[in-house]
């Protein structure tokens, strides 16, 4: 959020967002992956754990992330469901061709 110009005083205390799950439907546990207690699941990318590993520029990452948020917020049903890591990856890397199905 700071990348789009918000100051620390403007940042929300907490943000709620859709849950990201593995291909088995289990919650994606970034902390277990970082500690080496589980492997990065199929469809997940290193940049999902560390934005510095995004293959493009910071401005592109922010643009894609804001685009994804716009799609998710376009309908409350999109925002309050779970998405697989692979699905999030597709929406971030090919946003112009990715439409969300109506749940």
N, C-alpha and C. Protein backbone atom coordinates (compact mmCIF):
# COMPACT_ATOMS: atom_id res chain seq x y z
N UNK A 1 0.81 -1.17 0.00
CA UNK A 1 0.00 0.00 0.00
C UNK A 1 0.87 1.25 0.00
N UNK A 2 2.05 1.14 0.57
CA UNK A 2 2.95 2.28 0.53
C UNK A 2 3.43 2.55 -0.89
N UNK A 3 3.46 1.50 -1.72
CA UNK A 3 3.90 1.67 -3.11
C UNK A 3 2.92 2.53 -3.91
N UNK A 4 1.67 2.63 -3.45
CA UNK A 4 0.70 3.48 -4.15
C UNK A 4 0.57 4.85 -3.49
N UNK A 5 1.46 5.12 -2.53
CA UNK A 5 1.52 6.46 -1.96
C UNK A 5 0.92 6.66 -0.59
N UNK A 6 0.40 5.60 0.03
CA UNK A 6 -0.16 5.77 1.38
C UNK A 6 0.97 5.85 2.40
N UNK A 7 0.80 6.71 3.38
CA UNK A 7 1.78 6.84 4.45
C UNK A 7 1.44 5.82 5.54
N UNK A 8 2.39 5.51 6.41
CA UNK A 8 2.09 4.55 7.49
C UNK A 8 0.86 4.93 8.31
N UNK A 9 0.61 6.23 8.48
CA UNK A 9 -0.56 6.68 9.24
C UNK A 9 -1.87 6.38 8.51
N UNK A 10 -1.82 6.22 7.19
CA UNK A 10 -3.02 5.96 6.42
C UNK A 10 -3.32 4.47 6.25
N UNK A 11 -2.38 3.62 6.60
CA UNK A 11 -2.58 2.18 6.41
C UNK A 11 -3.61 1.64 7.39
N UNK A 12 -4.49 0.77 6.91
CA UNK A 12 -5.48 0.18 7.83
C UNK A 12 -4.80 -0.74 8.83
N UNK A 13 -5.43 -0.86 10.00
CA UNK A 13 -4.87 -1.73 11.04
C UNK A 13 -4.90 -3.19 10.59
N UNK A 14 -5.93 -3.55 9.84
CA UNK A 14 -6.06 -4.93 9.37
C UNK A 14 -6.88 -4.93 8.10
N UNK A 15 -6.49 -5.78 7.17
CA UNK A 15 -7.25 -5.92 5.93
C UNK A 15 -7.72 -7.35 5.80
N UNK A 16 -8.94 -7.54 5.37
CA UNK A 16 -9.47 -8.87 5.13
C UNK A 16 -9.45 -9.11 3.62
N UNK A 17 -9.10 -10.31 3.24
CA UNK A 17 -9.03 -10.63 1.83
C UNK A 17 -9.37 -12.12 1.64
N UNK A 18 -9.59 -12.51 0.40
CA UNK A 18 -9.92 -13.92 0.16
C UNK A 18 -8.79 -14.85 0.65
N UNK A 19 -9.19 -16.03 1.07
CA UNK A 19 -8.20 -17.01 1.50
C UNK A 19 -7.56 -17.65 0.29
N UNK A 20 -6.24 -17.84 0.36
CA UNK A 20 -5.50 -18.53 -0.69
C UNK A 20 -5.23 -19.93 -0.20
N UNK A 21 -5.59 -20.91 -1.03
CA UNK A 21 -5.46 -22.31 -0.65
C UNK A 21 -4.52 -23.05 -1.60
N UNK A 22 -4.09 -24.23 -1.18
CA UNK A 22 -3.26 -25.09 -2.02
C UNK A 22 -4.17 -25.87 -2.97
N UNK A 23 -3.57 -26.66 -3.83
CA UNK A 23 -4.35 -27.46 -4.77
C UNK A 23 -5.21 -28.51 -4.07
N UNK A 24 -4.93 -28.81 -2.79
CA UNK A 24 -5.74 -29.77 -2.04
C UNK A 24 -6.88 -29.09 -1.28
N UNK A 25 -6.91 -27.75 -1.29
CA UNK A 25 -7.94 -27.01 -0.57
C UNK A 25 -7.50 -26.56 0.81
N UNK A 26 -6.30 -26.95 1.25
CA UNK A 26 -5.80 -26.51 2.55
C UNK A 26 -5.32 -25.06 2.45
N UNK A 27 -5.41 -24.32 3.55
CA UNK A 27 -4.95 -22.94 3.57
C UNK A 27 -3.46 -22.90 3.23
N UNK A 28 -3.08 -21.98 2.35
CA UNK A 28 -1.66 -21.80 2.02
C UNK A 28 -0.97 -21.21 3.24
N UNK A 29 -0.04 -21.93 3.81
CA UNK A 29 0.66 -21.48 5.01
C UNK A 29 2.03 -20.92 4.65
N UNK A 30 2.07 -19.60 4.50
CA UNK A 30 3.34 -18.96 4.15
C UNK A 30 4.39 -19.17 5.23
N UNK A 31 3.97 -19.16 6.49
CA UNK A 31 4.94 -19.31 7.58
C UNK A 31 5.55 -20.70 7.58
N UNK A 32 4.77 -21.75 7.33
CA UNK A 32 5.34 -23.10 7.27
C UNK A 32 6.30 -23.25 6.09
N UNK A 33 5.97 -22.64 4.97
CA UNK A 33 6.85 -22.70 3.79
C UNK A 33 8.15 -21.97 4.09
N UNK A 34 8.05 -20.78 4.68
CA UNK A 34 9.26 -20.00 4.99
C UNK A 34 10.17 -20.72 5.97
N UNK A 35 9.58 -21.45 6.92
CA UNK A 35 10.39 -22.19 7.90
C UNK A 35 10.91 -23.51 7.34
N UNK A 36 10.52 -23.86 6.13
CA UNK A 36 10.98 -25.10 5.52
C UNK A 36 10.24 -26.32 6.00
N UNK A 37 9.09 -26.15 6.65
CA UNK A 37 8.33 -27.27 7.17
C UNK A 37 7.39 -27.88 6.14
N UNK A 38 7.21 -27.18 5.03
CA UNK A 38 6.42 -27.70 3.93
C UNK A 38 6.93 -27.06 2.64
N UNK A 39 6.70 -27.73 1.55
CA UNK A 39 7.17 -27.23 0.26
C UNK A 39 6.17 -26.23 -0.33
N UNK A 40 6.66 -25.40 -1.22
CA UNK A 40 5.79 -24.51 -1.98
C UNK A 40 4.86 -25.38 -2.82
N UNK A 41 3.55 -25.25 -2.68
CA UNK A 41 2.64 -26.15 -3.39
C UNK A 41 2.61 -25.90 -4.89
N UNK A 42 2.10 -26.87 -5.60
CA UNK A 42 1.92 -26.77 -7.04
C UNK A 42 1.10 -25.52 -7.35
N UNK A 43 1.56 -24.74 -8.31
CA UNK A 43 0.84 -23.54 -8.72
C UNK A 43 1.24 -22.28 -7.98
N UNK A 44 1.92 -22.40 -6.86
CA UNK A 44 2.38 -21.23 -6.12
C UNK A 44 3.73 -20.79 -6.67
N UNK A 45 3.97 -19.50 -6.59
CA UNK A 45 5.23 -18.94 -7.08
C UNK A 45 5.98 -18.26 -5.94
N UNK A 46 7.31 -18.19 -6.02
CA UNK A 46 8.09 -17.54 -4.96
C UNK A 46 7.65 -16.11 -4.67
N UNK A 47 7.19 -15.36 -5.68
CA UNK A 47 6.78 -13.97 -5.45
C UNK A 47 5.52 -13.88 -4.58
N UNK A 48 4.81 -14.98 -4.42
CA UNK A 48 3.63 -14.97 -3.55
C UNK A 48 4.03 -14.88 -2.08
N UNK A 49 5.25 -15.28 -1.78
CA UNK A 49 5.76 -15.21 -0.41
C UNK A 49 6.64 -13.98 -0.21
N UNK A 50 7.22 -13.49 -1.29
CA UNK A 50 8.14 -12.36 -1.21
C UNK A 50 7.97 -11.52 -2.47
N UNK A 51 7.31 -10.39 -2.35
CA UNK A 51 7.01 -9.54 -3.52
C UNK A 51 8.27 -9.10 -4.25
N UNK A 52 9.41 -9.11 -3.57
CA UNK A 52 10.67 -8.72 -4.24
C UNK A 52 11.05 -9.72 -5.32
N UNK A 53 10.46 -10.90 -5.32
CA UNK A 53 10.77 -11.92 -6.33
C UNK A 53 9.85 -11.84 -7.55
N UNK A 54 8.98 -10.84 -7.61
CA UNK A 54 8.12 -10.64 -8.79
C UNK A 54 9.03 -10.47 -10.00
N UNK A 55 8.75 -11.15 -11.11
CA UNK A 55 9.65 -11.11 -12.26
C UNK A 55 9.67 -9.78 -13.02
N UNK A 56 8.75 -8.88 -12.72
CA UNK A 56 8.72 -7.59 -13.40
C UNK A 56 9.10 -6.46 -12.47
N UNK A 57 8.67 -5.27 -12.82
CA UNK A 57 8.99 -4.08 -12.02
C UNK A 57 8.02 -3.94 -10.85
N UNK A 58 8.40 -3.12 -9.89
CA UNK A 58 7.55 -2.84 -8.74
C UNK A 58 6.25 -2.18 -9.19
N UNK A 59 6.35 -1.24 -10.12
CA UNK A 59 5.13 -0.56 -10.59
C UNK A 59 4.20 -1.54 -11.29
N UNK A 60 4.74 -2.51 -12.03
CA UNK A 60 3.91 -3.52 -12.68
C UNK A 60 3.24 -4.40 -11.62
N UNK A 61 3.98 -4.79 -10.61
CA UNK A 61 3.43 -5.61 -9.53
C UNK A 61 2.26 -4.89 -8.86
N UNK A 62 2.47 -3.62 -8.53
CA UNK A 62 1.43 -2.85 -7.87
C UNK A 62 0.22 -2.70 -8.78
N UNK A 63 0.44 -2.44 -10.06
CA UNK A 63 -0.65 -2.31 -11.02
C UNK A 63 -1.45 -3.60 -11.11
N UNK A 64 -0.76 -4.73 -11.19
CA UNK A 64 -1.45 -6.03 -11.26
C UNK A 64 -2.21 -6.33 -9.98
N UNK A 65 -1.59 -6.03 -8.84
CA UNK A 65 -2.23 -6.28 -7.55
C UNK A 65 -3.49 -5.43 -7.39
N UNK A 66 -3.41 -4.16 -7.78
CA UNK A 66 -4.58 -3.29 -7.71
C UNK A 66 -5.66 -3.76 -8.68
N UNK A 67 -5.27 -4.23 -9.85
CA UNK A 67 -6.23 -4.78 -10.80
C UNK A 67 -6.93 -6.00 -10.24
N UNK A 68 -6.16 -6.88 -9.62
CA UNK A 68 -6.73 -8.07 -8.99
C UNK A 68 -7.71 -7.68 -7.88
N UNK A 69 -7.30 -6.72 -7.06
CA UNK A 69 -8.19 -6.26 -5.98
C UNK A 69 -9.47 -5.67 -6.56
N UNK A 70 -9.36 -4.94 -7.65
CA UNK A 70 -10.55 -4.37 -8.29
C UNK A 70 -11.51 -5.44 -8.76
N UNK A 71 -10.97 -6.51 -9.33
CA UNK A 71 -11.82 -7.61 -9.79
C UNK A 71 -12.48 -8.30 -8.59
N UNK A 72 -11.70 -8.55 -7.55
CA UNK A 72 -12.25 -9.23 -6.37
C UNK A 72 -13.32 -8.38 -5.69
N UNK A 73 -13.13 -7.07 -5.68
CA UNK A 73 -14.09 -6.19 -5.02
C UNK A 73 -15.28 -5.85 -5.90
N UNK A 74 -15.26 -6.26 -7.16
CA UNK A 74 -16.35 -5.93 -8.07
C UNK A 74 -17.65 -6.64 -7.70
N UNK A 75 -17.55 -7.70 -6.95
CA UNK A 75 -18.72 -8.45 -6.52
C UNK A 75 -18.37 -9.10 -5.18
N UNK A 76 -19.15 -8.85 -4.14
CA UNK A 76 -18.83 -9.44 -2.83
C UNK A 76 -18.65 -10.95 -2.86
N UNK A 77 -19.33 -11.63 -3.76
CA UNK A 77 -19.18 -13.09 -3.84
C UNK A 77 -17.77 -13.47 -4.25
N UNK A 78 -17.10 -12.64 -5.04
CA UNK A 78 -15.72 -12.92 -5.42
C UNK A 78 -14.78 -12.72 -4.23
N UNK A 79 -15.06 -11.70 -3.46
CA UNK A 79 -14.16 -11.35 -2.37
C UNK A 79 -14.22 -12.33 -1.21
N UNK A 80 -15.38 -12.93 -0.98
CA UNK A 80 -15.54 -13.80 0.18
C UNK A 80 -15.47 -15.28 -0.14
N UNK A 81 -14.67 -15.66 -1.11
CA UNK A 81 -14.46 -17.07 -1.41
C UNK A 81 -12.97 -17.35 -1.38
N UNK A 82 -12.60 -18.60 -1.50
CA UNK A 82 -11.19 -18.98 -1.51
C UNK A 82 -10.71 -19.13 -2.95
N UNK A 83 -9.42 -18.88 -3.15
CA UNK A 83 -8.78 -19.04 -4.46
C UNK A 83 -7.53 -19.88 -4.30
N UNK A 84 -7.29 -20.75 -5.26
CA UNK A 84 -6.05 -21.53 -5.20
C UNK A 84 -4.88 -20.62 -5.53
N UNK A 85 -3.71 -21.00 -5.04
CA UNK A 85 -2.50 -20.24 -5.36
C UNK A 85 -2.31 -20.17 -6.86
N UNK A 86 -2.61 -21.25 -7.57
CA UNK A 86 -2.47 -21.26 -9.02
C UNK A 86 -3.42 -20.26 -9.67
N UNK A 87 -4.64 -20.17 -9.16
CA UNK A 87 -5.63 -19.24 -9.71
C UNK A 87 -5.20 -17.79 -9.48
N UNK A 88 -4.69 -17.49 -8.30
CA UNK A 88 -4.18 -16.15 -8.02
C UNK A 88 -3.01 -15.84 -8.96
N UNK A 89 -2.14 -16.82 -9.15
CA UNK A 89 -1.01 -16.63 -10.06
C UNK A 89 -1.47 -16.30 -11.48
N UNK A 90 -2.49 -17.00 -11.96
CA UNK A 90 -3.03 -16.72 -13.29
C UNK A 90 -3.64 -15.32 -13.36
N UNK A 91 -4.37 -14.94 -12.32
CA UNK A 91 -5.00 -13.62 -12.33
C UNK A 91 -3.97 -12.50 -12.26
N UNK A 92 -2.83 -12.76 -11.64
CA UNK A 92 -1.78 -11.74 -11.55
C UNK A 92 -0.93 -11.67 -12.82
N UNK A 93 -0.68 -12.81 -13.45
CA UNK A 93 0.23 -12.82 -14.59
C UNK A 93 -0.47 -12.63 -15.93
N UNK A 94 -1.75 -12.91 -15.98
CA UNK A 94 -2.51 -12.73 -17.24
C UNK A 94 -3.86 -12.09 -16.92
N UNK A 95 -3.85 -10.92 -16.27
CA UNK A 95 -5.11 -10.35 -15.80
C UNK A 95 -6.09 -9.97 -16.90
N UNK A 96 -5.60 -9.60 -18.06
CA UNK A 96 -6.50 -9.16 -19.12
C UNK A 96 -7.31 -10.31 -19.71
N UNK A 97 -6.88 -11.55 -19.50
CA UNK A 97 -7.63 -12.68 -20.06
C UNK A 97 -8.34 -13.48 -18.99
N UNK A 98 -8.25 -13.07 -17.73
CA UNK A 98 -8.80 -13.86 -16.63
C UNK A 98 -10.06 -13.22 -16.09
N UNK A 99 -11.17 -13.88 -16.20
CA UNK A 99 -12.43 -13.43 -15.62
C UNK A 99 -12.84 -14.41 -14.53
N UNK A 100 -13.40 -13.88 -13.47
CA UNK A 100 -13.83 -14.74 -12.38
C UNK A 100 -15.22 -15.29 -12.67
N UNK A 101 -15.41 -16.58 -12.43
CA UNK A 101 -16.76 -17.13 -12.58
C UNK A 101 -17.63 -16.65 -11.44
N UNK A 102 -18.90 -16.54 -11.67
CA UNK A 102 -19.83 -16.19 -10.60
C UNK A 102 -20.02 -17.42 -9.72
N UNK A 103 -19.70 -17.28 -8.41
CA UNK A 103 -19.84 -18.43 -7.51
C UNK A 103 -21.28 -18.86 -7.36
